[in-house]
C-alpha cells in the first residue's frame, strides 16, 4: 500500500483529521481546499512540493500522540 495513504489513514484513526484532510487535498491537486484545511489545523500550507515533508511531520506527531 502507498505509504502516503497509510500516513493519512493513521492520522484519521487518531483524530488528527484536519491535517490528514489537508494532505489528501494536496495529493488530489485540490490546493484551495488543502489551504482551507491547513488553516483549520493551524499549520502553514507550503504547497504541493512539501507533501513528503508534511507526511513526515504527521508521522512525528503520531509518534508523540500514539
PDB file of N, CA and C in Angstrom:
ATOM      1  N   UNK A   1       0.839  -1.183   0.000  1.00  0.00           N
ATOM      2  CA  UNK A   1       0.000   0.000   0.000  1.00  0.00           C
ATOM      3  C   UNK A   1       0.888   1.252   0.000  1.00  0.00           C
ATOM      4  N   UNK A   2       0.435   2.285  -0.608  1.00  0.00           N
ATOM      5  CA  UNK A   2       1.154   3.557  -0.700  1.00  0.00           C
ATOM      6  C   UNK A   2       1.398   4.124   0.695  1.00  0.00           C
ATOM      7  N   UNK A   3       2.645   4.475   1.005  1.00  0.00           N
ATOM      8  CA  UNK A   3       2.973   4.982   2.339  1.00  0.00           C
ATOM      9  C   UNK A   3       2.284   6.314   2.627  1.00  0.00           C
ATOM     10  N   UNK A   4       2.011   7.114   1.605  1.00  0.00           N
ATOM     11  CA  UNK A   4       1.294   8.371   1.813  1.00  0.00           C
ATOM     12  C   UNK A   4      -0.114   8.089   2.321  1.00  0.00           C
ATOM     13  N   UNK A   5      -0.762   7.129   1.702  1.00  0.00           N
ATOM     14  CA  UNK A   5      -2.117   6.772   2.106  1.00  0.00           C
ATOM     15  C   UNK A   5      -2.124   6.209   3.525  1.00  0.00           C
ATOM     16  N   UNK A   6      -1.157   5.379   3.845  1.00  0.00           N
ATOM     17  CA  UNK A   6      -1.063   4.813   5.191  1.00  0.00           C
ATOM     18  C   UNK A   6      -0.929   5.924   6.227  1.00  0.00           C
ATOM     19  N   UNK A   7      -0.076   6.908   5.943  1.00  0.00           N
ATOM     20  CA  UNK A   7       0.125   8.018   6.880  1.00  0.00           C
ATOM     21  C   UNK A   7      -1.172   8.786   7.101  1.00  0.00           C
ATOM     22  N   UNK A   8      -1.908   9.028   6.038  1.00  0.00           N
ATOM     23  CA  UNK A   8      -3.171   9.766   6.151  1.00  0.00           C
ATOM     24  C   UNK A   8      -4.183   8.954   6.951  1.00  0.00           C
ATOM     25  N   UNK A   9      -4.278   7.663   6.664  1.00  0.00           N
ATOM     26  CA  UNK A   9      -5.222   6.812   7.390  1.00  0.00           C
ATOM     27  C   UNK A   9      -4.870   6.774   8.880  1.00  0.00           C
ATOM     28  N   UNK A  10      -3.586   6.701   9.194  1.00  0.00           N
ATOM     29  CA  UNK A  10      -3.177   6.695  10.600  1.00  0.00           C
ATOM     30  C   UNK A  10      -3.569   7.995  11.297  1.00  0.00           C
ATOM     31  N   UNK A  11      -3.439   9.095  10.603  1.00  0.00           N
ATOM     32  CA  UNK A  11      -3.861  10.376  11.175  1.00  0.00           C
ATOM     33  C   UNK A  11      -5.357  10.371  11.442  1.00  0.00           C
ATOM     34  N   UNK A  12      -6.121   9.889  10.474  1.00  0.00           N
ATOM     35  CA  UNK A  12      -7.570   9.837  10.637  1.00  0.00           C
ATOM     36  C   UNK A  12      -7.958   8.949  11.811  1.00  0.00           C
ATOM     37  N   UNK A  13      -7.284   7.828  11.958  1.00  0.00           N
ATOM     38  CA  UNK A  13      -7.575   6.911  13.060  1.00  0.00           C
ATOM     39  C   UNK A  13      -7.350   7.566  14.417  1.00  0.00           C
ATOM     40  N   UNK A  14      -6.381   8.443  14.500  1.00  0.00           N
ATOM     41  CA  UNK A  14      -6.050   9.081  15.770  1.00  0.00           C
ATOM     42  C   UNK A  14      -6.763  10.421  15.971  1.00  0.00           C
ATOM     43  N   UNK A  15      -7.617  10.795  15.037  1.00  0.00           N
ATOM     44  CA  UNK A  15      -8.401  12.008  15.196  1.00  0.00           C
ATOM     45  C   UNK A  15      -7.705  13.282  14.770  1.00  0.00           C
ATOM     46  N   UNK A  16      -6.579  13.187  14.097  1.00  0.00           N
ATOM     47  CA  UNK A  16      -5.869  14.375  13.615  1.00  0.00           C
ATOM     48  C   UNK A  16      -6.338  14.627  12.183  1.00  0.00           C
ATOM     49  N   UNK A  17      -7.648  14.795  12.046  1.00  0.00           N
ATOM     50  CA  UNK A  17      -8.234  14.805  10.709  1.00  0.00           C
ATOM     51  C   UNK A  17      -8.019  16.099   9.945  1.00  0.00           C
ATOM     52  N   UNK A  18      -7.847  17.230  10.619  1.00  0.00           N
ATOM     53  CA  UNK A  18      -7.620  18.466   9.860  1.00  0.00           C
ATOM     54  C   UNK A  18      -6.349  18.365   9.017  1.00  0.00           C
ATOM     55  N   UNK A  19      -5.285  17.877   9.645  1.00  0.00           N
ATOM     56  CA  UNK A  19      -4.028  17.744   8.905  1.00  0.00           C
ATOM     57  C   UNK A  19      -4.149  16.683   7.816  1.00  0.00           C
ATOM     58  N   UNK A  20      -4.775  15.562   8.148  1.00  0.00           N
ATOM     59  CA  UNK A  20      -4.954  14.500   7.155  1.00  0.00           C
ATOM     60  C   UNK A  20      -5.753  15.015   5.968  1.00  0.00           C
ATOM     61  N   UNK A  21      -6.788  15.783   6.255  1.00  0.00           N
ATOM     62  CA  UNK A  21      -7.645  16.320   5.196  1.00  0.00           C
ATOM     63  C   UNK A  21      -6.833  17.212   4.253  1.00  0.00           C
ATOM     64  N   UNK A  22      -5.984  18.059   4.826  1.00  0.00           N
ATOM     65  CA  UNK A  22      -5.145  18.937   4.003  1.00  0.00           C
ATOM     66  C   UNK A  22      -4.187  18.157   3.128  1.00  0.00           C
ATOM     67  N   UNK A  23      -3.610  17.088   3.670  1.00  0.00           N
ATOM     68  CA  UNK A  23      -2.685  16.264   2.889  1.00  0.00           C
ATOM     69  C   UNK A  23      -3.426  15.581   1.739  1.00  0.00           C
ATOM     70  N   UNK A  24      -4.609  15.041   2.036  1.00  0.00           N
ATOM     71  CA  UNK A  24      -5.390  14.366   0.983  1.00  0.00           C
ATOM     72  C   UNK A  24      -5.700  15.340  -0.150  1.00  0.00           C
ATOM     73  N   UNK A  25      -6.171  16.533   0.188  1.00  0.00           N
ATOM     74  CA  UNK A  25      -6.495  17.512  -0.862  1.00  0.00           C
ATOM     75  C   UNK A  25      -5.254  17.911  -1.654  1.00  0.00           C
ATOM     76  N   UNK A  26      -4.112  18.011  -0.980  1.00  0.00           N
ATOM     77  CA  UNK A  26      -2.878  18.335  -1.693  1.00  0.00           C
ATOM     78  C   UNK A  26      -2.534  17.232  -2.679  1.00  0.00           C
ATOM     79  N   UNK A  27      -2.637  15.979  -2.222  1.00  0.00           N
ATOM     80  CA  UNK A  27      -2.338  14.851  -3.116  1.00  0.00           C
ATOM     81  C   UNK A  27      -3.294  14.816  -4.309  1.00  0.00           C
ATOM     82  N   UNK A  28      -4.537  15.239  -4.089  1.00  0.00           N
ATOM     83  CA  UNK A  28      -5.529  15.280  -5.172  1.00  0.00           C
ATOM     84  C   UNK A  28      -5.285  16.437  -6.140  1.00  0.00           C
ATOM     85  N   UNK A  29      -4.501  17.411  -5.705  1.00  0.00           N
ATOM     86  CA  UNK A  29      -4.296  18.596  -6.529  1.00  0.00           C
ATOM     87  C   UNK A  29      -5.312  19.689  -6.252  1.00  0.00           C
ATOM     88  N   UNK A  30      -6.160  19.508  -5.244  1.00  0.00           N
ATOM     89  CA  UNK A  30      -7.176  20.490  -4.862  1.00  0.00           C
ATOM     90  C   UNK A  30      -6.555  21.433  -3.827  1.00  0.00           C
ATOM     91  N   UNK A  31      -5.730  22.335  -4.318  1.00  0.00           N
ATOM     92  CA  UNK A  31      -4.915  23.170  -3.430  1.00  0.00           C
ATOM     93  C   UNK A  31      -5.734  24.184  -2.644  1.00  0.00           C
ATOM     94  N   UNK A  32      -6.836  24.663  -3.213  1.00  0.00           N
ATOM     95  CA  UNK A  32      -7.685  25.609  -2.487  1.00  0.00           C
ATOM     96  C   UNK A  32      -8.270  24.943  -1.231  1.00  0.00           C
ATOM     97  N   UNK A  33      -8.768  23.730  -1.382  1.00  0.00           N
ATOM     98  CA  UNK A  33      -9.296  23.009  -0.225  1.00  0.00           C
ATOM     99  C   UNK A  33      -8.176  22.645   0.745  1.00  0.00           C
ATOM    100  N   UNK A  34      -7.021  22.289   0.215  1.00  0.00           N
ATOM    101  CA  UNK A  34      -5.877  21.964   1.075  1.00  0.00           C
ATOM    102  C   UNK A  34      -5.526  23.165   1.956  1.00  0.00           C
ATOM    103  N   UNK A  35      -5.474  24.347   1.353  1.00  0.00           N
ATOM    104  CA  UNK A  35      -5.155  25.553   2.127  1.00  0.00           C
ATOM    105  C   UNK A  35      -6.169  25.761   3.245  1.00  0.00           C
ATOM    106  N   UNK A  36      -7.438  25.541   2.934  1.00  0.00           N
ATOM    107  CA  UNK A  36      -8.500  25.682   3.932  1.00  0.00           C
ATOM    108  C   UNK A  36      -8.247  24.763   5.127  1.00  0.00           C
ATOM    109  N   UNK A  37      -7.955  23.487   4.862  1.00  0.00           N
ATOM    110  CA  UNK A  37      -7.774  22.528   5.950  1.00  0.00           C
ATOM    111  C   UNK A  37      -6.475  22.763   6.707  1.00  0.00           C
ATOM    112  N   UNK A  38      -5.460  23.246   6.045  1.00  0.00           N
ATOM    113  CA  UNK A  38      -4.229  23.603   6.765  1.00  0.00           C
ATOM    114  C   UNK A  38      -4.503  24.760   7.722  1.00  0.00           C
ATOM    115  N   UNK A  39      -5.292  25.728   7.275  1.00  0.00           N
ATOM    116  CA  UNK A  39      -5.662  26.840   8.168  1.00  0.00           C
ATOM    117  C   UNK A  39      -6.408  26.302   9.383  1.00  0.00           C
ATOM    118  N   UNK A  40      -7.355  25.374   9.164  1.00  0.00           N
ATOM    119  CA  UNK A  40      -8.113  24.788  10.283  1.00  0.00           C
ATOM    120  C   UNK A  40      -7.192  24.072  11.263  1.00  0.00           C
ATOM    121  N   UNK A  41      -6.136  23.459  10.742  1.00  0.00           N
ATOM    122  CA  UNK A  41      -5.181  22.739  11.594  1.00  0.00           C
ATOM    123  C   UNK A  41      -4.123  23.677  12.180  1.00  0.00           C
ATOM    124  N   UNK A  42      -4.254  24.974  11.854  1.00  0.00           N
ATOM    125  CA  UNK A  42      -3.289  25.987  12.327  1.00  0.00           C
ATOM    126  C   UNK A  42      -1.863  25.657  11.879  1.00  0.00           C
ATOM    127  N   UNK A  43      -1.761  25.247  10.607  1.00  0.00           N
ATOM    128  CA  UNK A  43      -0.463  24.915  10.011  1.00  0.00           C
ATOM    129  C   UNK A  43      -0.294  25.729   8.734  1.00  0.00           C
ATOM    130  N   UNK A  44       0.923  26.003   8.390  1.00  0.00           N
ATOM    131  CA  UNK A  44       1.233  26.732   7.173  1.00  0.00           C
ATOM    132  C   UNK A  44       1.176  25.778   5.986  1.00  0.00           C
ATOM    133  N   UNK A  45       0.434  26.167   4.964  1.00  0.00           N
ATOM    134  CA  UNK A  45       0.374  25.370   3.737  1.00  0.00           C
ATOM    135  C   UNK A  45       1.578  25.753   2.887  1.00  0.00           C
ATOM    136  N   UNK A  46       2.455  24.790   2.649  1.00  0.00           N
ATOM    137  CA  UNK A  46       3.698  25.062   1.917  1.00  0.00           C
ATOM    138  C   UNK A  46       3.645  24.597   0.474  1.00  0.00           C
ATOM    139  N   UNK A  47       2.495  24.182   0.019  1.00  0.00           N
ATOM    140  CA  UNK A  47       2.329  23.815  -1.381  1.00  0.00           C
ATOM    141  C   UNK A  47       2.550  22.332  -1.645  1.00  0.00           C
ATOM    142  N   UNK A  48       2.250  21.925  -2.863  1.00  0.00           N
ATOM    143  CA  UNK A  48       2.301  20.506  -3.211  1.00  0.00           C
ATOM    144  C   UNK A  48       3.695  19.895  -3.151  1.00  0.00           C
ATOM    145  N   UNK A  49       4.722  20.691  -3.325  1.00  0.00           N
ATOM    146  CA  UNK A  49       6.086  20.151  -3.286  1.00  0.00           C
ATOM    147  C   UNK A  49       6.511  19.759  -1.870  1.00  0.00           C
ATOM    148  N   UNK A  50       5.753  20.179  -0.875  1.00  0.00           N
ATOM    149  CA  UNK A  50       6.106  19.900   0.512  1.00  0.00           C
ATOM    150  C   UNK A  50       5.344  18.712   1.099  1.00  0.00           C
ATOM    151  N   UNK A  51       4.604  17.971   0.266  1.00  0.00           N
ATOM    152  CA  UNK A  51       3.769  16.884   0.781  1.00  0.00           C
ATOM    153  C   UNK A  51       4.588  15.839   1.530  1.00  0.00           C
ATOM    154  N   UNK A  52       5.715  15.439   1.001  1.00  0.00           N
ATOM    155  CA  UNK A  52       6.519  14.417   1.685  1.00  0.00           C
ATOM    156  C   UNK A  52       6.956  14.888   3.064  1.00  0.00           C
ATOM    157  N   UNK A  53       7.363  16.139   3.154  1.00  0.00           N
ATOM    158  CA  UNK A  53       7.762  16.685   4.453  1.00  0.00           C
ATOM    159  C   UNK A  53       6.559  16.755   5.393  1.00  0.00           C
ATOM    160  N   UNK A  54       5.401  17.082   4.870  1.00  0.00           N
ATOM    161  CA  UNK A  54       4.192  17.145   5.690  1.00  0.00           C
ATOM    162  C   UNK A  54       3.820  15.761   6.215  1.00  0.00           C
ATOM    163  N   UNK A  55       3.968  14.752   5.387  1.00  0.00           N
ATOM    164  CA  UNK A  55       3.683  13.390   5.832  1.00  0.00           C
ATOM    165  C   UNK A  55       4.675  12.980   6.918  1.00  0.00           C
ATOM    166  N   UNK A  56       5.932  13.353   6.762  1.00  0.00           N
ATOM    167  CA  UNK A  56       6.930  13.063   7.791  1.00  0.00           C
ATOM    168  C   UNK A  56       6.568  13.761   9.097  1.00  0.00           C
ATOM    169  N   UNK A  57       6.116  14.997   9.004  1.00  0.00           N
ATOM    170  CA  UNK A  57       5.685  15.743  10.192  1.00  0.00           C
ATOM    171  C   UNK A  57       4.486  15.056  10.833  1.00  0.00           C
ATOM    172  N   UNK A  58       3.572  14.591  10.014  1.00  0.00           N
ATOM    173  CA  UNK A  58       2.398  13.880  10.524  1.00  0.00           C
ATOM    174  C   UNK A  58       2.819  12.624  11.266  1.00  0.00           C
ATOM    175  N   UNK A  59       3.774  11.899  10.712  1.00  0.00           N
ATOM    176  CA  UNK A  59       4.273  10.684  11.372  1.00  0.00           C
ATOM    177  C   UNK A  59       4.916  11.023  12.717  1.00  0.00           C
ATOM    178  N   UNK A  60       5.647  12.121  12.779  1.00  0.00           N
ATOM    179  CA  UNK A  60       6.262  12.544  14.048  1.00  0.00           C
ATOM    180  C   UNK A  60       5.179  12.856  15.082  1.00  0.00           C
ATOM    181  N   UNK A  61       4.121  13.525  14.636  1.00  0.00           N
ATOM    182  CA  UNK A  61       3.005  13.833  15.516  1.00  0.00           C
ATOM    183  C   UNK A  61       2.372  12.533  16.023  1.00  0.00           C
ATOM    184  N   UNK A  62       2.197  11.578  15.151  1.00  0.00           N
ATOM    185  CA  UNK A  62       1.639  10.295  15.551  1.00  0.00           C
ATOM    186  C   UNK A  62       2.514   9.614  16.596  1.00  0.00           C
ATOM    187  N   UNK A  63       3.812   9.682  16.408  1.00  0.00           N
ATOM    188  CA  UNK A  63       4.732   9.052  17.361  1.00  0.00           C
ATOM    189  C   UNK A  63       4.591   9.681  18.748  1.00  0.00           C
ATOM    190  N   UNK A  64       4.354  10.980  18.776  1.00  0.00           N
ATOM    191  CA  UNK A  64       4.216  11.671  20.065  1.00  0.00           C
ATOM    192  C   UNK A  64       2.873  11.432  20.712  1.00  0.00           C
ATOM    193  N   UNK A  65       1.817  11.277  19.901  1.00  0.00           N
ATOM    194  CA  UNK A  65       0.463  11.147  20.454  1.00  0.00           C
ATOM    195  C   UNK A  65      -0.002   9.708  20.514  1.00  0.00           C
ATOM    196  N   UNK A  66       0.667   8.810  19.793  1.00  0.00           N
ATOM    197  CA  UNK A  66       0.205   7.425  19.698  1.00  0.00           C
ATOM    198  C   UNK A  66       0.723   6.602  20.786  1.00  0.00           C
TER     199      UNK A  66
END
